Amino acid sequence: MHGDKTAFCICIRLCYLFILVNLIPCFQRKC
């Protein structure tokens, strides 16, 4: 699980877009 912080940061941004568009929680999609 090394180097997940970068992917996690990118994931949060992508998930945030999903929240605005699809209204689906980021953690529920398990990014």
PDB file of N, CA and C in Angstrom:
ATOM      1  N   MET A   1       0.826  -1.199   0.000  1.00  0.00           N
ATOM      2  CA  MET A   1       0.000   0.000   0.000  1.00  0.00           C
ATOM      3  C   MET A   1       0.870   1.262   0.000  1.00  0.00           C
ATOM      4  N   HIS A   2       2.058   1.127  -0.519  1.00  0.00           N
ATOM      5  CA  HIS A   2       2.951   2.281  -0.563  1.00  0.00           C
ATOM      6  C   HIS A   2       2.660   3.122  -1.805  1.00  0.00           C
ATOM      7  N   GLY A   3       2.645   4.439  -1.624  1.00  0.00           N
ATOM      8  CA  GLY A   3       2.392   5.323  -2.759  1.00  0.00           C
ATOM      9  C   GLY A   3       0.907   5.493  -3.034  1.00  0.00           C
ATOM     10  N   ASP A   4       0.078   5.225  -2.029  1.00  0.00           N
ATOM     11  CA  ASP A   4      -1.372   5.367  -2.225  1.00  0.00           C
ATOM     12  C   ASP A   4      -1.844   6.797  -1.979  1.00  0.00           C
ATOM     13  N   LYS A   5      -0.990   7.584  -1.310  1.00  0.00           N
ATOM     14  CA  LYS A   5      -1.396   8.959  -0.989  1.00  0.00           C
ATOM     15  C   LYS A   5      -1.638   9.770  -2.253  1.00  0.00           C
ATOM     16  N   THR A   6      -0.758   9.616  -3.232  1.00  0.00           N
ATOM     17  CA  THR A   6      -0.915  10.368  -4.487  1.00  0.00           C
ATOM     18  C   THR A   6      -2.189   9.936  -5.195  1.00  0.00           C
ATOM     19  N   ALA A   7      -2.387   8.641  -5.307  1.00  0.00           N
ATOM     20  CA  ALA A   7      -3.577   8.114  -5.970  1.00  0.00           C
ATOM     21  C   ALA A   7      -4.823   8.522  -5.195  1.00  0.00           C
ATOM     22  N   PHE A   8      -4.706   8.549  -3.873  1.00  0.00           N
ATOM     23  CA  PHE A   8      -5.844   8.910  -3.022  1.00  0.00           C
ATOM     24  C   PHE A   8      -6.227  10.365  -3.241  1.00  0.00           C
ATOM     25  N   CYS A   9      -5.211  11.233  -3.365  1.00  0.00           N
ATOM     26  CA  CYS A   9      -5.478  12.658  -3.593  1.00  0.00           C
ATOM     27  C   CYS A   9      -6.188  12.852  -4.929  1.00  0.00           C
ATOM     28  N   ILE A  10      -5.703  12.164  -5.952  1.00  0.00           N
ATOM     29  CA  ILE A  10      -6.324  12.265  -7.279  1.00  0.00           C
ATOM     30  C   ILE A  10      -7.741  11.696  -7.219  1.00  0.00           C
ATOM     31  N   CYS A  11      -7.863  10.608  -6.490  1.00  0.00           N
ATOM     32  CA  CYS A  11      -9.167   9.947  -6.354  1.00  0.00           C
ATOM     33  C   CYS A  11     -10.174  10.871  -5.696  1.00  0.00           C
ATOM     34  N   ILE A  12      -9.737  11.590  -4.680  1.00  0.00           N
ATOM     35  CA  ILE A  12     -10.641  12.506  -3.972  1.00  0.00           C
ATOM     36  C   ILE A  12     -11.172  13.557  -4.941  1.00  0.00           C
ATOM     37  N   ARG A  13     -10.283  14.069  -5.807  1.00  0.00           N
ATOM     38  CA  ARG A  13     -10.712  15.081  -6.774  1.00  0.00           C
ATOM     39  C   ARG A  13     -11.715  14.497  -7.749  1.00  0.00           C
ATOM     40  N   LEU A  14     -11.448  13.287  -8.215  1.00  0.00           N
ATOM     41  CA  LEU A  14     -12.355  12.636  -9.166  1.00  0.00           C
ATOM     42  C   LEU A  14     -13.683  12.333  -8.480  1.00  0.00           C
ATOM     43  N   CYS A  15     -13.598  11.843  -7.260  1.00  0.00           N
ATOM     44  CA  CYS A  15     -14.799  11.514  -6.488  1.00  0.00           C
ATOM     45  C   CYS A  15     -15.613  12.763  -6.214  1.00  0.00           C
ATOM     46  N   TYR A  16     -14.914  13.866  -5.961  1.00  0.00           N
ATOM     47  CA  TYR A  16     -15.619  15.121  -5.680  1.00  0.00           C
ATOM     48  C   TYR A  16     -16.458  15.509  -6.892  1.00  0.00           C
ATOM     49  N   LEU A  17     -15.927  15.254  -8.087  1.00  0.00           N
ATOM     50  CA  LEU A  17     -16.677  15.547  -9.312  1.00  0.00           C
ATOM     51  C   LEU A  17     -17.892  14.625  -9.378  1.00  0.00           C
ATOM     52  N   PHE A  18     -17.695  13.367  -8.975  1.00  0.00           N
ATOM     53  CA  PHE A  18     -18.806  12.410  -8.986  1.00  0.00           C
ATOM     54  C   PHE A  18     -19.896  12.858  -8.023  1.00  0.00           C
ATOM     55  N   ILE A  19     -19.477  13.409  -6.883  1.00  0.00           N
ATOM     56  CA  ILE A  19     -20.451  13.885  -5.892  1.00  0.00           C
ATOM     57  C   ILE A  19     -21.273  15.026  -6.479  1.00  0.00           C
ATOM     58  N   LEU A  20     -20.605  15.903  -7.236  1.00  0.00           N
ATOM     59  CA  LEU A  20     -21.309  17.046  -7.821  1.00  0.00           C
ATOM     60  C   LEU A  20     -22.197  16.606  -8.977  1.00  0.00           C
ATOM     61  N   VAL A  21     -21.740  15.614  -9.714  1.00  0.00           N
ATOM     62  CA  VAL A  21     -22.484  15.172 -10.897  1.00  0.00           C
ATOM     63  C   VAL A  21     -23.504  14.096 -10.556  1.00  0.00           C
ATOM     64  N   ASN A  22     -23.024  13.006  -9.973  1.00  0.00           N
ATOM     65  CA  ASN A  22     -23.913  11.870  -9.708  1.00  0.00           C
ATOM     66  C   ASN A  22     -24.440  11.832  -8.275  1.00  0.00           C
ATOM     67  N   LEU A  23     -23.953  12.791  -7.458  1.00  0.00           N
ATOM     68  CA  LEU A  23     -24.397  12.831  -6.059  1.00  0.00           C
ATOM     69  C   LEU A  23     -24.114  11.518  -5.350  1.00  0.00           C
ATOM     70  N   ILE A  24     -22.990  10.888  -5.707  1.00  0.00           N
ATOM     71  CA  ILE A  24     -22.612   9.623  -5.068  1.00  0.00           C
ATOM     72  C   ILE A  24     -21.384   9.845  -4.192  1.00  0.00           C
ATOM     73  N   PRO A  25     -21.457   9.486  -2.919  1.00  0.00           N
ATOM     74  CA  PRO A  25     -20.336   9.673  -2.002  1.00  0.00           C
ATOM     75  C   PRO A  25     -19.066   9.005  -2.511  1.00  0.00           C
ATOM     76  N   CYS A  26     -17.924   9.686  -2.300  1.00  0.00           N
ATOM     77  CA  CYS A  26     -16.646   9.150  -2.769  1.00  0.00           C
ATOM     78  C   CYS A  26     -16.332   7.814  -2.124  1.00  0.00           C
ATOM     79  N   PHE A  27     -16.459   7.768  -0.798  1.00  0.00           N
ATOM     80  CA  PHE A  27     -16.086   6.550  -0.085  1.00  0.00           C
ATOM     81  C   PHE A  27     -17.013   5.384  -0.440  1.00  0.00           C
ATOM     82  N   GLN A  28     -18.226   5.698  -0.865  1.00  0.00           N
ATOM     83  CA  GLN A  28     -19.162   4.631  -1.218  1.00  0.00           C
ATOM     84  C   GLN A  28     -18.709   3.961  -2.515  1.00  0.00           C
ATOM     85  N   ARG A  29     -18.022   4.720  -3.374  1.00  0.00           N
ATOM     86  CA  ARG A  29     -17.505   4.167  -4.621  1.00  0.00           C
ATOM     87  C   ARG A  29     -16.174   3.474  -4.394  1.00  0.00           C
ATOM     88  N   LYS A  30     -15.631   3.610  -3.166  1.00  0.00           N
ATOM     89  CA  LYS A  30     -14.355   2.976  -2.813  1.00  0.00           C
ATOM     90  C   LYS A  30     -13.275   3.322  -3.826  1.00  0.00           C
ATOM     91  N   CYS A  31     -12.952   4.595  -3.946  1.00  0.00           N
ATOM     92  CA  CYS A  31     -11.956   5.023  -4.932  1.00  0.00           C
ATOM     93  C   CYS A  31     -10.574   4.466  -4.624  1.00  0.00           C
TER      94      CYS A  31
END
